[in-house]
Amino acid sequence: MNKAVEFLRRNENNFYFAFRVLIGLLFVQHGAQKLFGAFGGNQVELMNLFAFDMSSLFVLAGIIEFFGGLFIALGLLTRLAAFFGIADMIGAWTFSHLKKGIIPLLNGGELSALFFSAFLILLVWGTKKWGLDNVFFKRK
């Protein structure tokens, strides 16, 4: 077997851990933009959650992104957080990007497509090693 492939297989859990934490922390940033106006974002009014219009969807998206990203990074209820992340990305695609066309590069939906793909992987693989699920739910 090739030494590079051997190295990758031996360190599979390390690479997946880095992937999970990176995706989670990137998603947290998007939620922080919406909920707190961090990183140059526009803060949405939390009371808009009960307005039942587009502004309430932005609040809900911010909550999913911030807390879902935190849960993914920490390895806590990773599959559930990934499921909500998938729903959030379908919503982003439907309400923000699709009206500008179907091609992600042209409609600004590249991040939605990438996050959607990453959440599919997280949904399948879950926390794996080094996550709080392993502590609270006695998983290996």
C-alpha atoms as a PDB file:
ATOM      1  CA  MET A   1       0.000   0.000   0.000  1.00  0.00           C
ATOM      2  CA  ASN A   2       1.161   3.507  -0.768  1.00  0.00           C
ATOM      3  CA  LYS A   3       2.676   5.264   2.275  1.00  0.00           C
ATOM      4  CA  ALA A   4       0.523   8.357   1.731  1.00  0.00           C
ATOM      5  CA  VAL A   5      -2.689   6.310   1.695  1.00  0.00           C
ATOM      6  CA  GLU A   6      -1.491   4.420   4.756  1.00  0.00           C
ATOM      7  CA  PHE A   7      -0.845   7.717   6.551  1.00  0.00           C
ATOM      8  CA  LEU A   8      -4.302   9.028   5.617  1.00  0.00           C
ATOM      9  CA  ARG A   9      -6.053   5.885   6.803  1.00  0.00           C
ATOM     10  CA  ARG A  10      -4.104   5.834  10.048  1.00  0.00           C
ATOM     11  CA  ASN A  11      -5.076   9.454  10.736  1.00  0.00           C
ATOM     12  CA  GLU A  12      -8.636   9.328   9.420  1.00  0.00           C
ATOM     13  CA  ASN A  13     -10.155  10.311  12.770  1.00  0.00           C
ATOM     14  CA  ASN A  14      -7.780  13.269  13.128  1.00  0.00           C
ATOM     15  CA  PHE A  15      -8.733  14.612   9.700  1.00  0.00           C
ATOM     16  CA  TYR A  16     -12.438  14.109  10.333  1.00  0.00           C
ATOM     17  CA  PHE A  17     -12.145  15.858  13.710  1.00  0.00           C
ATOM     18  CA  ALA A  18     -10.488  18.858  12.021  1.00  0.00           C
ATOM     19  CA  PHE A  19     -13.204  18.845   9.330  1.00  0.00           C
ATOM     20  CA  ARG A  20     -16.021  18.720  11.889  1.00  0.00           C
ATOM     21  CA  VAL A  21     -14.592  21.504  14.044  1.00  0.00           C
ATOM     22  CA  LEU A  22     -13.784  23.735  11.063  1.00  0.00           C
ATOM     23  CA  ILE A  23     -17.259  23.353   9.525  1.00  0.00           C
ATOM     24  CA  GLY A  24     -18.860  23.986  12.931  1.00  0.00           C
ATOM     25  CA  LEU A  25     -16.835  27.127  13.628  1.00  0.00           C
ATOM     26  CA  LEU A  26     -17.443  28.525  10.153  1.00  0.00           C
ATOM     27  CA  PHE A  27     -21.173  27.986  10.617  1.00  0.00           C
ATOM     28  CA  VAL A  28     -21.041  29.697  14.036  1.00  0.00           C
ATOM     29  CA  GLN A  29     -19.644  32.806  12.336  1.00  0.00           C
ATOM     30  CA  HIS A  30     -22.630  33.039  10.008  1.00  0.00           C
ATOM     31  CA  GLY A  31     -24.989  32.742  12.965  1.00  0.00           C
ATOM     32  CA  ALA A  32     -23.016  35.380  14.895  1.00  0.00           C
ATOM     33  CA  GLN A  33     -23.395  37.756  11.950  1.00  0.00           C
ATOM     34  CA  LYS A  34     -27.164  37.424  12.031  1.00  0.00           C
ATOM     35  CA  LEU A  35     -27.749  37.277  15.785  1.00  0.00           C
ATOM     36  CA  PHE A  36     -25.099  39.690  17.068  1.00  0.00           C
ATOM     37  CA  GLY A  37     -23.999  41.744  14.049  1.00  0.00           C
ATOM     38  CA  ALA A  38     -20.492  40.277  14.445  1.00  0.00           C
ATOM     39  CA  PHE A  39     -17.925  40.136  11.630  1.00  0.00           C
ATOM     40  CA  GLY A  40     -19.547  43.015   9.768  1.00  0.00           C
ATOM     41  CA  GLY A  41     -22.969  41.374   9.664  1.00  0.00           C
ATOM     42  CA  ASN A  42     -26.359  42.981  10.032  1.00  0.00           C
ATOM     43  CA  GLN A  43     -27.982  42.012  13.311  1.00  0.00           C
ATOM     44  CA  VAL A  44     -31.588  40.918  13.005  1.00  0.00           C
ATOM     45  CA  GLU A  45     -34.102  41.824  15.672  1.00  0.00           C
ATOM     46  CA  LEU A  46     -34.724  38.765  17.842  1.00  0.00           C
ATOM     47  CA  MET A  47     -38.350  39.824  18.276  1.00  0.00           C
ATOM     48  CA  ASN A  48     -38.740  39.255  14.525  1.00  0.00           C
ATOM     49  CA  LEU A  49     -38.811  35.530  15.280  1.00  0.00           C
ATOM     50  CA  PHE A  50     -42.491  35.982  16.021  1.00  0.00           C
ATOM     51  CA  ALA A  51     -43.232  38.201  13.018  1.00  0.00           C
ATOM     52  CA  PHE A  52     -43.832  35.191  10.748  1.00  0.00           C
ATOM     53  CA  ASP A  53     -42.271  36.810   7.697  1.00  0.00           C
ATOM     54  CA  MET A  54     -38.849  36.771   6.004  1.00  0.00           C
ATOM     55  CA  SER A  55     -37.218  38.492   8.997  1.00  0.00           C
ATOM     56  CA  SER A  56     -38.346  35.631  11.244  1.00  0.00           C
ATOM     57  CA  LEU A  57     -36.620  33.193   8.863  1.00  0.00           C
ATOM     58  CA  PHE A  58     -33.367  35.142   9.255  1.00  0.00           C
ATOM     59  CA  VAL A  59     -33.623  34.940  13.037  1.00  0.00           C
ATOM     60  CA  LEU A  60     -34.329  31.214  12.849  1.00  0.00           C
ATOM     61  CA  ALA A  61     -31.411  30.766  10.436  1.00  0.00           C
ATOM     62  CA  GLY A  62     -29.131  32.661  12.835  1.00  0.00           C
ATOM     63  CA  ILE A  63     -30.157  30.432  15.737  1.00  0.00           C
ATOM     64  CA  ILE A  64     -29.601  27.259  13.693  1.00  0.00           C
ATOM     65  CA  GLU A  65     -26.266  28.517  12.384  1.00  0.00           C
ATOM     66  CA  PHE A  66     -24.888  29.739  15.710  1.00  0.00           C
ATOM     67  CA  PHE A  67     -26.008  26.925  17.981  1.00  0.00           C
ATOM     68  CA  GLY A  68     -25.889  24.203  15.329  1.00  0.00           C
ATOM     69  CA  GLY A  69     -22.344  25.214  14.453  1.00  0.00           C
ATOM     70  CA  LEU A  70     -21.378  25.197  18.119  1.00  0.00           C
ATOM     71  CA  PHE A  71     -22.883  21.736  18.591  1.00  0.00           C
ATOM     72  CA  ILE A  72     -21.081  20.421  15.510  1.00  0.00           C
ATOM     73  CA  ALA A  73     -17.729  21.869  16.608  1.00  0.00           C
ATOM     74  CA  LEU A  74     -18.156  20.388  20.080  1.00  0.00           C
ATOM     75  CA  GLY A  75     -19.389  17.059  18.749  1.00  0.00           C
ATOM     76  CA  LEU A  76     -22.673  17.306  20.623  1.00  0.00           C
ATOM     77  CA  LEU A  77     -25.777  15.967  18.848  1.00  0.00           C
ATOM     78  CA  THR A  78     -23.802  16.293  15.628  1.00  0.00           C
ATOM     79  CA  ARG A  79     -26.255  14.421  13.420  1.00  0.00           C
ATOM     80  CA  LEU A  80     -29.215  16.451  14.674  1.00  0.00           C
ATOM     81  CA  ALA A  81     -27.320  19.719  14.203  1.00  0.00           C
ATOM     82  CA  ALA A  82     -26.291  18.608  10.689  1.00  0.00           C
ATOM     83  CA  PHE A  83     -29.930  17.799   9.887  1.00  0.00           C
ATOM     84  CA  PHE A  84     -30.987  21.323  10.892  1.00  0.00           C
ATOM     85  CA  GLY A  85     -28.013  22.713   8.965  1.00  0.00           C
ATOM     86  CA  ILE A  86     -29.233  20.893   5.855  1.00  0.00           C
ATOM     87  CA  ALA A  87     -32.715  22.378   6.334  1.00  0.00           C
ATOM     88  CA  ASP A  88     -31.159  25.830   6.808  1.00  0.00           C
ATOM     89  CA  MET A  89     -29.135  25.494   3.594  1.00  0.00           C
ATOM     90  CA  ILE A  90     -32.195  24.345   1.645  1.00  0.00           C
ATOM     91  CA  GLY A  91     -33.975  27.427   2.972  1.00  0.00           C
ATOM     92  CA  ALA A  92     -31.057  29.695   2.041  1.00  0.00           C
ATOM     93  CA  TRP A  93     -30.951  28.200  -1.429  1.00  0.00           C
ATOM     94  CA  THR A  94     -34.713  28.492  -1.924  1.00  0.00           C
ATOM     95  CA  PHE A  95     -35.313  31.966  -0.496  1.00  0.00           C
ATOM     96  CA  SER A  96     -32.051  33.767  -1.260  1.00  0.00           C
ATOM     97  CA  HIS A  97     -30.243  32.176  -4.180  1.00  0.00           C
ATOM     98  CA  LEU A  98     -32.586  30.318  -6.507  1.00  0.00           C
ATOM     99  CA  LYS A  99     -34.397  33.480  -7.604  1.00  0.00           C
ATOM    100  CA  LYS A 100     -31.046  34.648  -9.076  1.00  0.00           C
ATOM    101  CA  GLY A 101     -30.617  31.472 -11.141  1.00  0.00           C
ATOM    102  CA  ILE A 102     -29.699  27.839 -10.606  1.00  0.00           C
ATOM    103  CA  ILE A 103     -25.893  28.021 -10.971  1.00  0.00           C
ATOM    104  CA  PRO A 104     -24.303  28.562  -7.513  1.00  0.00           C
ATOM    105  CA  LEU A 105     -21.369  30.565  -8.858  1.00  0.00           C
ATOM    106  CA  LEU A 106     -23.768  33.031 -10.475  1.00  0.00           C
ATOM    107  CA  ASN A 107     -26.446  33.190  -7.764  1.00  0.00           C
ATOM    108  CA  GLY A 108     -24.123  33.541  -4.738  1.00  0.00           C
ATOM    109  CA  GLY A 109     -25.060  30.112  -3.398  1.00  0.00           C
ATOM    110  CA  GLU A 110     -21.616  28.469  -3.335  1.00  0.00           C
ATOM    111  CA  LEU A 111     -21.427  28.549   0.467  1.00  0.00           C
ATOM    112  CA  SER A 112     -24.921  27.116   0.785  1.00  0.00           C
ATOM    113  CA  ALA A 113     -23.973  24.275  -1.560  1.00  0.00           C
ATOM    114  CA  LEU A 114     -20.688  23.603   0.252  1.00  0.00           C
ATOM    115  CA  PHE A 115     -22.286  23.680   3.702  1.00  0.00           C
ATOM    116  CA  PHE A 116     -25.087  21.430   2.423  1.00  0.00           C
ATOM    117  CA  SER A 117     -22.491  18.917   1.198  1.00  0.00           C
ATOM    118  CA  ALA A 118     -20.529  19.107   4.454  1.00  0.00           C
ATOM    119  CA  PHE A 119     -23.680  18.566   6.508  1.00  0.00           C
ATOM    120  CA  LEU A 120     -24.502  15.463   4.462  1.00  0.00           C
ATOM    121  CA  ILE A 121     -21.120  14.032   5.468  1.00  0.00           C
ATOM    122  CA  LEU A 122     -21.676  15.015   9.104  1.00  0.00           C
ATOM    123  CA  LEU A 123     -25.159  13.493   9.034  1.00  0.00           C
ATOM    124  CA  VAL A 124     -23.722  10.164   7.846  1.00  0.00           C
ATOM    125  CA  TRP A 125     -20.627  10.020  10.080  1.00  0.00           C
ATOM    126  CA  GLY A 126     -21.850  11.835  13.189  1.00  0.00           C
ATOM    127  CA  THR A 127     -19.393  12.847  15.875  1.00  0.00           C
ATOM    128  CA  LYS A 128     -16.873  10.006  15.585  1.00  0.00           C
ATOM    129  CA  LYS A 129     -13.984  10.592  18.008  1.00  0.00           C
ATOM    130  CA  TRP A 130     -13.293  13.537  20.293  1.00  0.00           C
ATOM    131  CA  GLY A 131     -16.777  14.879  20.783  1.00  0.00           C
ATOM    132  CA  LEU A 132     -19.088  15.488  23.719  1.00  0.00           C
ATOM    133  CA  ASP A 133     -21.482  12.828  22.419  1.00  0.00           C
ATOM    134  CA  ASN A 134     -18.874  10.274  23.447  1.00  0.00           C
ATOM    135  CA  VAL A 135     -18.834  11.661  26.988  1.00  0.00           C
ATOM    136  CA  PHE A 136     -22.561  12.174  27.544  1.00  0.00           C
ATOM    137  CA  PHE A 137     -23.814   9.151  25.640  1.00  0.00           C
ATOM    138  CA  LYS A 138     -20.900   6.776  26.395  1.00  0.00           C
ATOM    139  CA  ARG A 139     -20.040   6.285  22.718  1.00  0.00           C
ATOM    140  CA  LYS A 140     -16.656   5.374  21.343  1.00  0.00           C
END
